[in-house]
C-alpha cells in the first residue's frame, strides 16, 4: 500500500520546480524570503498536499524528553 498519493507527489514536484526558479517563498504569505534548501521545498510541497486533502501521512510529532527525578 502506498503512503503517498500520486497527486501528492506531483505537488512536491511543483514545489521543487518553484524552488529551482527562485519563486518558492517561506513563511506565512511568503514574506520570509526564498527557499534555498531542498528538504524545505519537499516539506512545503507535502504540507500543500495535506491542505488539499491528498493522501499524505500526518506530520511527525516531536518526542517528549524524559527528565530525571532528583
N, C-alpha and C. Protein backbone atom coordinates (compact mmCIF):
# COMPACT_ATOMS: atom_id res chain seq x y z
N UNK A 1 0.84 -1.19 0.00
CA UNK A 1 0.00 0.00 0.00
C UNK A 1 0.88 1.25 0.00
N UNK A 2 0.55 2.18 -0.86
CA UNK A 2 1.37 3.40 -0.99
C UNK A 2 1.08 4.37 0.16
N UNK A 3 2.13 5.02 0.61
CA UNK A 3 1.98 6.00 1.68
C UNK A 3 1.47 7.33 1.14
N UNK A 4 1.98 7.70 -0.04
CA UNK A 4 1.63 8.99 -0.64
C UNK A 4 0.85 8.76 -1.93
N UNK A 5 -0.09 9.62 -2.23
CA UNK A 5 -0.83 9.50 -3.49
C UNK A 5 0.02 10.09 -4.61
N UNK A 6 -0.29 9.72 -5.85
CA UNK A 6 0.46 10.24 -7.00
C UNK A 6 0.32 11.76 -7.08
N UNK A 7 -0.86 12.25 -6.81
CA UNK A 7 -1.09 13.69 -6.91
C UNK A 7 -0.30 14.45 -5.84
N UNK A 8 -0.04 13.81 -4.69
CA UNK A 8 0.78 14.44 -3.66
C UNK A 8 2.21 14.55 -4.17
N UNK A 9 2.67 13.52 -4.88
CA UNK A 9 4.00 13.54 -5.47
C UNK A 9 4.15 14.66 -6.48
N UNK A 10 3.09 14.89 -7.24
CA UNK A 10 3.16 15.97 -8.24
C UNK A 10 3.17 17.34 -7.56
N UNK A 11 2.53 17.46 -6.40
CA UNK A 11 2.58 18.71 -5.64
C UNK A 11 4.00 18.99 -5.16
N UNK A 12 4.69 17.95 -4.73
CA UNK A 12 6.07 18.09 -4.28
C UNK A 12 6.95 18.49 -5.46
N UNK A 13 6.73 17.85 -6.61
CA UNK A 13 7.49 18.18 -7.82
C UNK A 13 7.31 19.64 -8.19
N UNK A 14 6.08 20.11 -8.11
CA UNK A 14 5.78 21.50 -8.44
C UNK A 14 6.52 22.46 -7.50
N UNK A 15 6.56 22.10 -6.21
CA UNK A 15 7.27 22.92 -5.23
C UNK A 15 8.76 22.94 -5.53
N UNK A 16 9.30 21.80 -5.95
CA UNK A 16 10.72 21.72 -6.29
C UNK A 16 11.04 22.59 -7.50
N UNK A 17 10.15 22.59 -8.48
CA UNK A 17 10.35 23.43 -9.66
C UNK A 17 10.33 24.91 -9.29
N UNK A 18 9.39 25.26 -8.39
CA UNK A 18 9.31 26.66 -7.95
C UNK A 18 10.58 27.06 -7.20
N UNK A 19 11.15 26.12 -6.44
CA UNK A 19 12.40 26.40 -5.72
C UNK A 19 13.53 26.65 -6.71
N UNK A 20 13.61 25.82 -7.75
CA UNK A 20 14.66 25.97 -8.76
C UNK A 20 14.59 27.33 -9.44
N UNK A 21 13.37 27.77 -9.73
CA UNK A 21 13.18 29.06 -10.41
C UNK A 21 13.32 30.24 -9.45
N UNK A 22 13.39 29.94 -8.13
CA UNK A 22 13.53 31.00 -7.13
C UNK A 22 12.21 31.67 -6.78
N UNK A 23 11.11 30.98 -7.02
CA UNK A 23 9.79 31.56 -6.75
C UNK A 23 9.13 30.99 -5.51
N UNK A 24 9.76 30.00 -4.88
CA UNK A 24 9.19 29.38 -3.69
C UNK A 24 9.59 30.20 -2.47
N UNK A 25 8.59 30.68 -1.74
CA UNK A 25 8.83 31.54 -0.58
C UNK A 25 8.51 30.80 0.69
N UNK A 26 9.12 31.22 1.79
CA UNK A 26 8.85 30.57 3.07
C UNK A 26 8.07 31.49 3.98
N UNK A 27 7.40 30.90 4.94
CA UNK A 27 6.66 31.68 5.93
C UNK A 27 5.27 32.05 5.47
N UNK A 28 4.53 32.62 6.39
CA UNK A 28 3.14 33.00 6.13
C UNK A 28 3.07 34.13 5.10
N UNK A 29 2.37 33.88 4.02
CA UNK A 29 2.24 34.89 2.99
C UNK A 29 3.50 35.05 2.15
N UNK A 30 4.47 34.17 2.33
CA UNK A 30 5.71 34.22 1.55
C UNK A 30 6.59 35.41 1.87
N UNK A 31 6.50 35.89 3.10
CA UNK A 31 7.26 37.09 3.47
C UNK A 31 8.62 36.77 4.08
N UNK A 32 8.97 35.49 4.16
CA UNK A 32 10.21 35.11 4.82
C UNK A 32 11.39 34.91 3.89
N UNK A 33 11.27 35.31 2.64
CA UNK A 33 12.37 35.14 1.70
C UNK A 33 12.26 33.85 0.90
N UNK A 34 13.20 33.65 0.01
CA UNK A 34 13.14 32.48 -0.87
C UNK A 34 13.72 31.25 -0.17
N UNK A 35 13.22 30.08 -0.57
CA UNK A 35 13.67 28.81 -0.01
C UNK A 35 14.92 28.37 -0.76
N UNK A 36 15.97 28.02 -0.02
CA UNK A 36 17.21 27.54 -0.63
C UNK A 36 17.34 26.02 -0.46
N UNK A 37 16.83 25.51 0.63
CA UNK A 37 17.01 24.10 0.99
C UNK A 37 16.06 23.18 0.22
N UNK A 38 16.61 22.05 -0.22
CA UNK A 38 15.84 21.02 -0.92
C UNK A 38 14.82 20.39 0.02
N UNK A 39 15.26 20.09 1.26
CA UNK A 39 14.39 19.46 2.25
C UNK A 39 13.20 20.36 2.57
N UNK A 40 13.46 21.65 2.67
CA UNK A 40 12.39 22.58 2.99
C UNK A 40 11.37 22.65 1.86
N UNK A 41 11.85 22.58 0.62
CA UNK A 41 10.95 22.60 -0.54
C UNK A 41 10.05 21.37 -0.52
N UNK A 42 10.60 20.21 -0.17
CA UNK A 42 9.80 18.98 -0.08
C UNK A 42 8.75 19.11 1.01
N UNK A 43 9.15 19.66 2.16
CA UNK A 43 8.22 19.84 3.28
C UNK A 43 7.08 20.77 2.89
N UNK A 44 7.38 21.82 2.16
CA UNK A 44 6.35 22.77 1.72
C UNK A 44 5.39 22.08 0.76
N UNK A 45 5.95 21.28 -0.18
CA UNK A 45 5.11 20.55 -1.13
C UNK A 45 4.17 19.58 -0.43
N UNK A 46 4.68 18.88 0.59
CA UNK A 46 3.84 17.93 1.34
C UNK A 46 2.76 18.64 2.13
N UNK A 47 3.10 19.78 2.73
CA UNK A 47 2.10 20.49 3.52
C UNK A 47 1.01 21.06 2.61
N UNK A 48 1.38 21.48 1.39
CA UNK A 48 0.37 21.95 0.43
C UNK A 48 -0.56 20.80 0.04
N UNK A 49 0.01 19.61 -0.14
CA UNK A 49 -0.79 18.43 -0.48
C UNK A 49 -1.75 18.10 0.67
N UNK A 50 -1.27 18.22 1.91
CA UNK A 50 -2.14 17.97 3.08
C UNK A 50 -3.32 18.93 3.11
N UNK A 51 -3.04 20.20 2.82
CA UNK A 51 -4.10 21.21 2.84
C UNK A 51 -5.17 20.91 1.79
N UNK A 52 -4.76 20.31 0.67
CA UNK A 52 -5.70 19.96 -0.39
C UNK A 52 -6.45 18.67 -0.10
N UNK A 53 -6.05 17.97 0.99
CA UNK A 53 -6.73 16.75 1.39
C UNK A 53 -6.24 15.51 0.67
N UNK A 54 -5.03 15.53 0.16
CA UNK A 54 -4.48 14.37 -0.54
C UNK A 54 -3.89 13.38 0.46
N UNK A 55 -3.63 12.16 -0.03
CA UNK A 55 -3.15 11.10 0.86
C UNK A 55 -1.67 11.30 1.19
N UNK A 56 -1.43 11.85 2.36
CA UNK A 56 -0.07 12.10 2.86
C UNK A 56 -0.09 11.78 4.34
N UNK A 57 0.94 11.07 4.86
CA UNK A 57 0.97 10.78 6.30
C UNK A 57 1.00 12.08 7.11
N UNK A 58 0.49 12.01 8.32
CA UNK A 58 0.45 13.19 9.19
C UNK A 58 1.85 13.64 9.54
N UNK A 59 1.99 14.90 9.86
CA UNK A 59 3.27 15.48 10.23
C UNK A 59 3.79 14.77 11.48
N UNK A 60 5.12 14.54 11.54
CA UNK A 60 5.70 13.87 12.70
C UNK A 60 5.59 14.71 13.94
N UNK A 61 5.26 14.06 15.03
CA UNK A 61 5.21 14.74 16.32
C UNK A 61 6.57 14.63 16.97
N UNK A 62 6.97 15.63 17.72
CA UNK A 62 8.27 15.56 18.40
C UNK A 62 8.14 14.68 19.63
N UNK A 63 9.22 13.97 19.94
CA UNK A 63 9.21 13.09 21.10
C UNK A 63 9.44 13.91 22.36
N UNK A 64 8.70 13.58 23.41
CA UNK A 64 8.89 14.26 24.68
C UNK A 64 10.10 13.66 25.39
N UNK A 65 10.91 14.53 25.93
CA UNK A 65 12.11 14.06 26.65
C UNK A 65 11.75 13.64 28.06
N UNK A 66 12.37 12.57 28.49
CA UNK A 66 12.17 12.13 29.86
C UNK A 66 13.20 12.84 30.74
N UNK A 67 12.75 13.42 31.81
CA UNK A 67 13.67 14.10 32.71
C UNK A 67 13.93 13.22 33.94
N UNK A 68 15.13 13.31 34.44
CA UNK A 68 15.47 12.52 35.63
C UNK A 68 14.87 13.16 36.86
N UNK A 69 14.33 12.33 37.73
CA UNK A 69 13.81 12.83 39.00
C UNK A 69 14.95 12.84 40.02
N UNK A 70 15.09 13.93 40.70
CA UNK A 70 16.18 14.09 41.66
C UNK A 70 15.77 13.61 43.03
